């Protein structure tokens, strides 16, 4: 007779099996946690790269267009106002100790296409990121500033004006414009701002009232540039954008390392009760530690000698509008920013980063000490230097 063995598992066997299952589960959970962690870091890193491309494209475009639509001289003389020296921003976000009026060319000087402070101050009061100012008709954030046209006159006084045939390109009657007369046959050549009267403040008007220059001569050519779509009179005959790194008093992204800030663009307000103040900053890039600017100068007309550090400078102090137009051949902007979020499994390989480049063995820019300025946690972040290189197209247009 067959006997069935109904003998079960012993307690020891069950404990061994459970231990094996627990070991497999722990290993799997750890591996899954690492995959999720790395995936999150990679996702944040990709997000940072996309943000950098989009935000820095705004800066690149403004750099390329620096000088577009700027008059070179005022005949007759004008008197204009620019940035309010007592109030940097209508918002509280700003670099400590900076004054927007420092970069003015008002009240009578021709505007410089680009200006950069040799050294600004961080929110903690230490020497820090550069403050960059770009002037052109295109530097604002409105539809009118993207419009322009030409007007010429023949020997009989007949006017010819370029019409684009597009609502997005042709002026509205209420658009605020300036007129610049090209005197290309004079020595030296010049671009004169045309005033509507002898008043020192009458340098602009609406397109309907300011689109036909008075007393034209045979062969005269004029360019009309849109500045603003507001009904208010212009405060100054161009637009201006200020770029700077600052740390907001609140709403700083939690993923950013300590003591980093945000790269902002602010435009100077034209006309109205807020004239001369900077509009609240438009954030372009988060988690920025530093911004440096280097200018390539060709004073001799022989091109930039990259082996000679004397052809590069971090300041245009002492340069007037004419010297900038004739000698500035290249603009390089270096932005040190955090890539992704904090990664406790990652160690950044160096305490310092060169925010700039070496020309002829000499660093143009500066050495940024991450440990001193960011703190001990700097090593758990990935740091990247974004480099923008521009050859200005509109200084001698």
Protein backbone atom coordinates (compact mmCIF):
# COMPACT_ATOMS: atom_id res chain seq x y z
CA UNK A 1 0.00 0.00 0.00
CA UNK A 2 1.37 3.38 -1.08
CA UNK A 3 1.95 5.87 1.71
CA UNK A 4 1.75 9.56 0.95
CA UNK A 5 4.39 11.73 2.56
CA UNK A 6 2.55 14.83 3.75
CA UNK A 7 5.70 16.19 5.29
CA UNK A 8 5.91 20.07 4.77
CA UNK A 9 8.78 22.61 4.69
CA UNK A 10 10.83 23.12 7.74
CA UNK A 11 11.14 26.58 9.38
CA UNK A 12 14.79 26.69 8.38
CA UNK A 13 13.91 26.18 4.71
CA UNK A 14 11.28 28.93 4.85
CA UNK A 15 13.74 31.37 6.45
CA UNK A 16 16.34 30.63 3.77
CA UNK A 17 13.83 31.16 0.93
CA UNK A 18 12.56 34.39 2.49
CA UNK A 19 16.15 35.62 2.88
CA UNK A 20 16.81 34.91 -0.79
CA UNK A 21 13.63 36.77 -1.82
CA UNK A 22 14.46 39.74 0.43
CA UNK A 23 17.97 39.94 -1.00
CA UNK A 24 16.61 39.94 -4.56
CA UNK A 25 14.00 42.58 -3.68
CA UNK A 26 16.58 44.85 -1.99
CA UNK A 27 18.98 44.58 -4.93
CA UNK A 28 16.18 45.25 -7.37
CA UNK A 29 14.87 48.20 -5.34
CA UNK A 30 18.33 49.75 -5.09
CA UNK A 31 18.89 49.32 -8.80
CA UNK A 32 15.47 50.82 -9.55
CA UNK A 33 16.14 53.74 -7.20
CA UNK A 34 19.43 54.46 -8.98
CA UNK A 35 17.73 54.27 -12.38
CA UNK A 36 14.98 56.66 -11.27
CA UNK A 37 17.55 58.97 -9.66
CA UNK A 38 19.78 59.05 -12.72
CA UNK A 39 16.76 59.47 -14.99
CA UNK A 40 15.62 62.45 -12.91
CA UNK A 41 19.09 63.99 -13.10
CA UNK A 42 19.31 63.42 -16.84
CA UNK A 43 15.86 64.93 -17.32
CA UNK A 44 16.80 68.02 -15.29
CA UNK A 45 20.08 68.31 -17.16
CA UNK A 46 18.28 68.19 -20.50
CA UNK A 47 15.78 70.76 -19.23
CA UNK A 48 18.65 73.05 -18.24
CA UNK A 49 20.28 72.71 -21.65
CA UNK A 50 17.03 73.57 -23.45
CA UNK A 51 16.46 76.51 -21.11
CA UNK A 52 20.00 77.69 -21.82
CA UNK A 53 19.55 77.49 -25.57
CA UNK A 54 16.25 79.40 -25.52
CA UNK A 55 17.20 82.02 -22.93
CA UNK A 56 20.66 82.74 -24.27
CA UNK A 57 19.31 83.08 -27.81
CA UNK A 58 17.60 86.28 -26.61
CA UNK A 59 20.98 87.62 -25.46
CA UNK A 60 22.71 86.47 -28.64
CA UNK A 61 20.14 88.23 -30.83
CA UNK A 62 20.47 91.49 -28.90
CA UNK A 63 24.27 91.32 -29.12
CA UNK A 64 24.11 90.80 -32.88
CA UNK A 65 21.80 93.77 -33.32
CA UNK A 66 23.68 96.13 -31.01
CA UNK A 67 23.86 99.51 -32.72
CA UNK A 68 20.98 98.93 -35.14
CA UNK A 69 19.07 102.16 -35.72
CA UNK A 70 21.33 104.29 -33.53
CA UNK A 71 22.01 107.87 -34.66
CA UNK A 72 25.64 108.95 -34.67
CA UNK A 73 25.07 112.66 -34.25
CA UNK A 74 22.35 115.12 -33.28
CA UNK A 75 21.95 118.04 -35.69
CA UNK A 76 20.40 120.16 -34.34
CA UNK A 77 21.36 119.28 -30.78
CA UNK A 78 18.86 117.38 -28.63
CA UNK A 79 18.45 116.85 -24.92
CA UNK A 80 17.15 113.47 -23.80
CA UNK A 81 16.77 111.39 -20.66
CA UNK A 82 17.70 107.73 -20.28
CA UNK A 83 17.73 105.44 -17.23
CA UNK A 84 16.70 106.85 -13.86
CA UNK A 85 19.86 106.84 -11.78
CA UNK A 86 17.93 106.64 -8.50
CA UNK A 87 15.72 103.65 -9.23
CA UNK A 88 17.25 100.63 -10.91
CA UNK A 89 14.15 98.49 -11.09
CA UNK A 90 10.45 98.69 -10.47
CA UNK A 91 10.87 95.27 -8.85
CA UNK A 92 13.22 94.38 -6.00
CA UNK A 93 15.39 92.03 -8.06
CA UNK A 94 18.71 93.70 -8.73
CA UNK A 95 22.43 93.33 -8.14
CA UNK A 96 23.39 95.08 -4.92
CA UNK A 97 24.88 98.53 -5.36
CA UNK A 98 24.24 98.91 -9.09
CA UNK A 99 22.86 102.08 -10.62
CA UNK A 100 21.36 101.95 -14.12
CA UNK A 101 22.19 105.61 -14.65
CA UNK A 102 25.89 104.73 -14.69
CA UNK A 103 25.52 103.54 -18.29
CA UNK A 104 23.63 106.57 -19.63
CA UNK A 105 24.78 108.61 -22.60
CA UNK A 106 22.12 111.22 -21.85
CA UNK A 107 21.57 114.10 -22.00
CA UNK A 108 23.44 115.01 -25.20
CA UNK A 109 25.97 112.33 -26.18
CA UNK A 110 25.44 109.91 -29.04
CA UNK A 111 24.46 106.46 -27.68
CA UNK A 112 27.11 103.75 -27.34
CA UNK A 113 25.98 100.46 -28.85
CA UNK A 114 27.25 98.37 -25.94
CA UNK A 115 28.53 99.13 -22.45
CA UNK A 116 29.77 96.77 -19.75
CA UNK A 117 30.87 97.46 -16.21
CA UNK A 118 34.38 96.29 -15.37
CA UNK A 119 33.08 94.76 -12.17
CA UNK A 120 29.68 94.77 -10.53
CA UNK A 121 28.62 93.43 -7.16
CA UNK A 122 26.87 90.25 -6.17
CA UNK A 123 23.90 90.22 -3.78
CA UNK A 124 26.40 89.44 -0.99
CA UNK A 125 28.45 92.57 -1.75
CA UNK A 126 31.46 90.78 -3.23
CA UNK A 127 32.91 91.51 -6.66
CA UNK A 128 30.80 89.61 -9.13
CA UNK A 129 29.18 89.25 -12.52
CA UNK A 130 29.33 91.84 -15.25
CA UNK A 131 26.47 94.24 -15.95
CA UNK A 132 25.88 94.45 -19.71
CA UNK A 133 23.96 97.21 -21.52
CA UNK A 134 22.90 96.95 -25.19
CA UNK A 135 21.45 99.87 -27.15
CA UNK A 136 19.62 99.63 -30.47
CA UNK A 137 16.16 100.24 -31.85
CA UNK A 138 15.54 96.47 -31.59
CA UNK A 139 16.40 96.00 -27.91
CA UNK A 140 12.83 96.44 -26.60
CA UNK A 141 9.99 93.93 -26.37
CA UNK A 142 7.32 95.40 -28.65
CA UNK A 143 6.20 94.89 -32.24
CA UNK A 144 7.00 98.43 -33.39
CA UNK A 145 10.73 98.20 -32.69
CA UNK A 146 11.01 95.46 -35.31
CA UNK A 147 9.82 97.79 -38.08
CA UNK A 148 11.86 100.09 -40.30
CA UNK A 149 11.68 101.64 -43.74
CA UNK A 150 13.58 103.98 -46.05
CA UNK A 151 12.59 107.30 -47.60
CA UNK A 152 14.40 108.98 -50.51
CA UNK A 153 13.78 112.12 -52.59
CA UNK A 154 14.57 112.92 -56.20
CA UNK A 155 15.54 116.30 -57.68
CA UNK A 156 11.90 117.32 -57.89
CA UNK A 157 11.21 116.58 -54.26
CA UNK A 158 9.19 113.46 -55.01
CA UNK A 159 9.27 110.98 -52.18
CA UNK A 160 9.83 107.24 -52.46
CA UNK A 161 9.15 105.13 -49.39
CA UNK A 162 9.70 101.41 -49.03
CA UNK A 163 6.44 99.59 -48.30
CA UNK A 164 6.76 95.96 -47.30
CA UNK A 165 3.13 94.99 -47.88
CA UNK A 166 2.79 93.21 -44.54
CA UNK A 167 0.90 94.33 -41.45
CA UNK A 168 3.69 92.90 -39.31
CA UNK A 169 6.35 94.99 -41.09
CA UNK A 170 4.63 98.22 -42.15
CA UNK A 171 4.09 100.98 -39.61
CA UNK A 172 0.79 101.83 -37.96
CA UNK A 173 -0.09 105.52 -37.90
CA UNK A 174 0.37 105.69 -34.10
CA UNK A 175 3.75 103.92 -33.93
CA UNK A 176 6.47 106.04 -32.34
CA UNK A 177 9.42 106.45 -34.68
CA UNK A 178 12.68 108.32 -35.22
CA UNK A 179 14.25 109.44 -38.51
CA UNK A 180 17.94 109.12 -39.27
CA UNK A 181 19.53 110.90 -42.24
CA UNK A 182 22.36 109.02 -43.89
CA UNK A 183 25.16 111.36 -44.92
CA UNK A 184 27.38 108.79 -46.61
CA UNK A 185 29.07 111.23 -48.98
CA UNK A 186 30.51 113.41 -46.22
CA UNK A 187 33.87 113.00 -44.52
CA UNK A 188 33.53 111.48 -42.07
CA UNK A 189 30.28 109.71 -42.88
CA UNK A 190 27.53 110.20 -40.33
CA UNK A 191 23.99 109.28 -39.45
CA UNK A 192 22.14 112.33 -38.19
CA UNK A 193 19.02 112.19 -36.04
CA UNK A 194 16.31 114.34 -37.62
CA UNK A 195 14.27 116.57 -35.31
CA UNK A 196 10.80 117.81 -36.17
CA UNK A 197 11.53 121.32 -34.92
CA UNK A 198 14.21 123.35 -33.19
CA UNK A 199 13.04 122.00 -29.83
CA UNK A 200 15.73 119.87 -28.18
CA UNK A 201 13.07 117.30 -27.20
CA UNK A 202 11.34 116.98 -30.61
CA UNK A 203 13.36 114.04 -31.90
CA UNK A 204 10.46 111.62 -32.44
CA UNK A 205 6.80 111.44 -33.32
CA UNK A 206 4.04 109.16 -34.49
CA UNK A 207 4.54 107.65 -37.92
CA UNK A 208 1.61 109.58 -39.41
CA UNK A 209 3.12 112.91 -38.37
CA UNK A 210 6.81 112.11 -38.64
CA UNK A 211 7.27 110.08 -41.82
CA UNK A 212 8.20 112.88 -44.25
CA UNK A 213 11.41 114.80 -43.39
CA UNK A 214 11.26 118.54 -43.93
CA UNK A 215 13.39 120.36 -46.54
CA UNK A 216 14.88 117.29 -48.23
CA UNK A 217 17.66 117.70 -50.78
CA UNK A 218 18.15 115.80 -54.01
CA UNK A 219 19.62 112.39 -53.21
CA UNK A 220 18.93 112.52 -49.50
CA UNK A 221 18.17 109.14 -47.98
CA UNK A 222 16.45 108.69 -44.65
CA UNK A 223 15.75 105.65 -42.53
CA UNK A 224 12.73 105.45 -40.23
CA UNK A 225 13.04 103.19 -37.20
CA UNK A 226 10.21 102.06 -34.95
CA UNK A 227 10.93 102.48 -31.24
CA UNK A 228 7.70 102.07 -29.28
CA UNK A 229 4.01 101.38 -29.83
CA UNK A 230 2.89 103.56 -26.91
CA UNK A 231 1.15 106.90 -27.42
CA UNK A 232 3.63 108.49 -24.98
CA UNK A 233 6.46 110.58 -26.40
CA UNK A 234 9.87 108.92 -26.40
CA UNK A 235 12.29 109.71 -23.61
CA UNK A 236 15.34 108.77 -25.70
CA UNK A 237 15.83 108.01 -29.43
CA UNK A 238 16.63 104.29 -29.15
CA UNK A 239 15.84 101.28 -26.98
CA UNK A 240 17.99 99.82 -24.24
CA UNK A 241 18.29 96.37 -22.64
CA UNK A 242 20.23 95.66 -19.44
CA UNK A 243 21.52 92.15 -18.68
CA UNK A 244 22.62 91.15 -15.18
CA UNK A 245 22.72 88.27 -12.71
CA UNK A 246 20.66 88.75 -9.54
CA UNK A 247 19.01 86.68 -6.84
CA UNK A 248 15.31 87.28 -6.20
CA UNK A 249 14.16 87.75 -2.62
CA UNK A 250 11.72 84.88 -3.15
CA UNK A 251 10.81 82.25 -5.74
CA UNK A 252 14.40 81.20 -6.38
CA UNK A 253 14.26 77.67 -7.88
CA UNK A 254 14.84 75.12 -5.12
CA UNK A 255 17.06 73.03 -7.38
CA UNK A 256 19.64 75.83 -7.64
CA UNK A 257 22.84 75.75 -5.62
CA UNK A 258 23.31 78.25 -2.81
CA UNK A 259 24.51 81.71 -3.85
CA UNK A 260 23.60 81.28 -7.52
CA UNK A 261 21.19 83.68 -9.19
CA UNK A 262 19.16 84.23 -12.35
CA UNK A 263 20.24 85.92 -15.58
CA UNK A 264 17.74 88.69 -16.30
CA UNK A 265 17.00 91.04 -19.18
CA UNK A 266 15.35 94.37 -18.35
CA UNK A 267 14.41 97.13 -20.78
CA UNK A 268 14.38 100.83 -19.92
CA UNK A 269 10.82 102.17 -20.03
CA UNK A 270 10.05 104.83 -22.63
CA UNK A 271 7.72 107.70 -21.70
CA UNK A 272 4.87 107.87 -19.18
CA UNK A 273 5.08 108.05 -15.41
CA UNK A 274 7.60 105.16 -15.26
CA UNK A 275 9.95 106.64 -17.85
CA UNK A 276 13.59 105.89 -17.15
CA UNK A 277 12.98 102.92 -14.86
CA UNK A 278 13.87 99.38 -15.78
CA UNK A 279 10.94 97.09 -16.41
CA UNK A 280 10.78 94.00 -14.15
CA UNK A 281 13.46 91.58 -15.28
CA UNK A 282 12.64 88.78 -17.72
CA UNK A 283 14.38 85.59 -16.46
CA UNK A 284 16.51 83.94 -19.13
CA UNK A 285 18.55 81.32 -17.28
CA UNK A 286 18.33 79.89 -13.76
CA UNK A 287 21.13 78.85 -11.39
CA UNK A 288 23.76 81.23 -12.79
CA UNK A 289 26.95 81.71 -10.80
CA UNK A 290 28.80 84.24 -12.96
CA UNK A 291 28.76 86.24 -16.21
CA UNK A 292 31.86 87.76 -17.79
CA UNK A 293 32.22 89.80 -20.99
CA UNK A 294 35.30 90.14 -23.22
CA UNK A 295 35.61 92.54 -26.15
CA UNK A 296 37.79 91.93 -29.20
CA UNK A 297 39.34 95.26 -30.25
CA UNK A 298 41.03 96.12 -33.54
CA UNK A 299 42.48 99.62 -33.16
CA UNK A 300 44.87 99.30 -36.13
CA UNK A 301 42.44 97.95 -38.71
CA UNK A 302 44.48 94.78 -39.21
CA UNK A 303 42.05 92.38 -37.56
CA UNK A 304 42.06 90.74 -34.14
CA UNK A 305 45.34 89.13 -33.16
CA UNK A 306 44.28 86.21 -30.98
CA UNK A 307 47.85 85.55 -29.89
CA UNK A 308 48.10 89.03 -28.40
CA UNK A 309 46.09 89.56 -25.16
CA UNK A 310 46.18 93.32 -25.77
CA UNK A 311 43.57 92.83 -28.49
CA UNK A 312 41.04 91.84 -25.84
CA UNK A 313 39.61 93.80 -22.95
CA UNK A 314 36.96 93.26 -20.29
CA UNK A 315 35.97 96.92 -20.17
CA UNK A 316 35.12 99.63 -22.70
CA UNK A 317 35.74 102.36 -20.17
CA UNK A 318 36.83 105.49 -22.01
CA UNK A 319 35.38 104.36 -25.35
CA UNK A 320 32.89 106.78 -26.92
CA UNK A 321 30.25 105.77 -29.48
CA UNK A 322 32.52 106.40 -32.47
CA UNK A 323 35.42 104.38 -31.08
CA UNK A 324 33.13 101.45 -30.30
CA UNK A 325 31.77 101.54 -33.86
CA UNK A 326 35.19 101.56 -35.47
CA UNK A 327 37.27 99.34 -33.16
CA UNK A 328 34.92 96.75 -31.62
CA UNK A 329 35.02 93.63 -33.79
CA UNK A 330 33.96 90.84 -31.45
CA UNK A 331 31.93 90.31 -28.28
CA UNK A 332 32.37 87.21 -26.12
CA UNK A 333 30.04 86.45 -23.22
CA UNK A 334 30.78 83.64 -20.76
CA UNK A 335 28.07 82.43 -18.38
CA UNK A 336 28.82 79.91 -15.62
CA UNK A 337 25.67 78.02 -14.69
CA UNK A 338 24.60 74.88 -12.92
CA UNK A 339 23.53 72.02 -15.17
CA UNK A 340 20.82 69.79 -13.76
CA UNK A 341 20.20 69.48 -10.04
CA UNK A 342 22.21 68.39 -7.03
CA UNK A 343 23.64 64.90 -7.44
CA UNK A 344 24.97 63.33 -4.23
CA UNK A 345 26.63 60.58 -6.30
CA UNK A 346 28.60 63.09 -8.40
CA UNK A 347 31.76 65.02 -7.53
CA UNK A 348 32.79 68.03 -9.61
CA UNK A 349 36.51 67.66 -10.38
CA UNK A 350 37.76 71.17 -9.54
CA UNK A 351 37.24 73.95 -7.00
CA UNK A 352 37.76 76.64 -9.66
CA UNK A 353 36.45 77.40 -13.14
CA UNK A 354 37.85 79.81 -15.71
CA UNK A 355 34.96 81.97 -16.82
CA UNK A 356 36.58 83.29 -19.98
CA UNK A 357 39.36 82.27 -22.37
CA UNK A 358 43.10 82.62 -22.63
CA UNK A 359 44.54 84.78 -25.39
CA UNK A 360 48.31 84.77 -25.71
CA UNK A 361 48.43 82.81 -22.47
CA UNK A 362 46.54 85.52 -20.55
CA UNK A 363 43.10 84.80 -19.12
CA UNK A 364 40.46 87.32 -20.23
CA UNK A 365 37.61 86.94 -17.79
CA UNK A 366 38.26 85.58 -14.31
CA UNK A 367 38.85 82.48 -12.22
CA UNK A 368 35.67 81.65 -10.30
CA UNK A 369 36.23 79.84 -6.99
CA UNK A 370 33.25 77.52 -6.55
CA UNK A 371 34.11 76.50 -3.00
CA UNK A 372 34.43 80.09 -1.77
CA UNK A 373 31.40 81.52 -3.60
CA UNK A 374 28.97 78.61 -3.74
CA UNK A 375 29.91 76.66 -0.62
CA UNK A 376 31.06 73.16 0.18
CA UNK A 377 28.15 71.59 -1.72
CA UNK A 378 29.48 72.95 -5.03
CA UNK A 379 31.06 69.54 -5.74
CA UNK A 380 27.66 67.82 -5.98
CA UNK A 381 26.63 69.98 -8.95
CA UNK A 382 27.63 69.87 -12.60
CA UNK A 383 28.92 73.26 -13.80
CA UNK A 384 28.98 74.46 -17.38
CA UNK A 385 30.36 77.59 -19.03
CA UNK A 386 28.14 78.79 -21.87
CA UNK A 387 30.09 80.79 -24.46
CA UNK A 388 28.50 83.26 -26.88
CA UNK A 389 30.73 84.70 -29.60
CA UNK A 390 29.31 87.50 -31.74
CA UNK A 391 30.74 89.69 -34.47
CA UNK A 392 28.50 92.79 -34.38
CA UNK A 393 26.66 93.36 -37.65
CA UNK A 394 25.15 96.78 -37.08
CA UNK A 395 27.79 99.08 -35.66
CA UNK A 396 28.63 100.55 -39.06
CA UNK A 397 25.43 99.76 -40.93
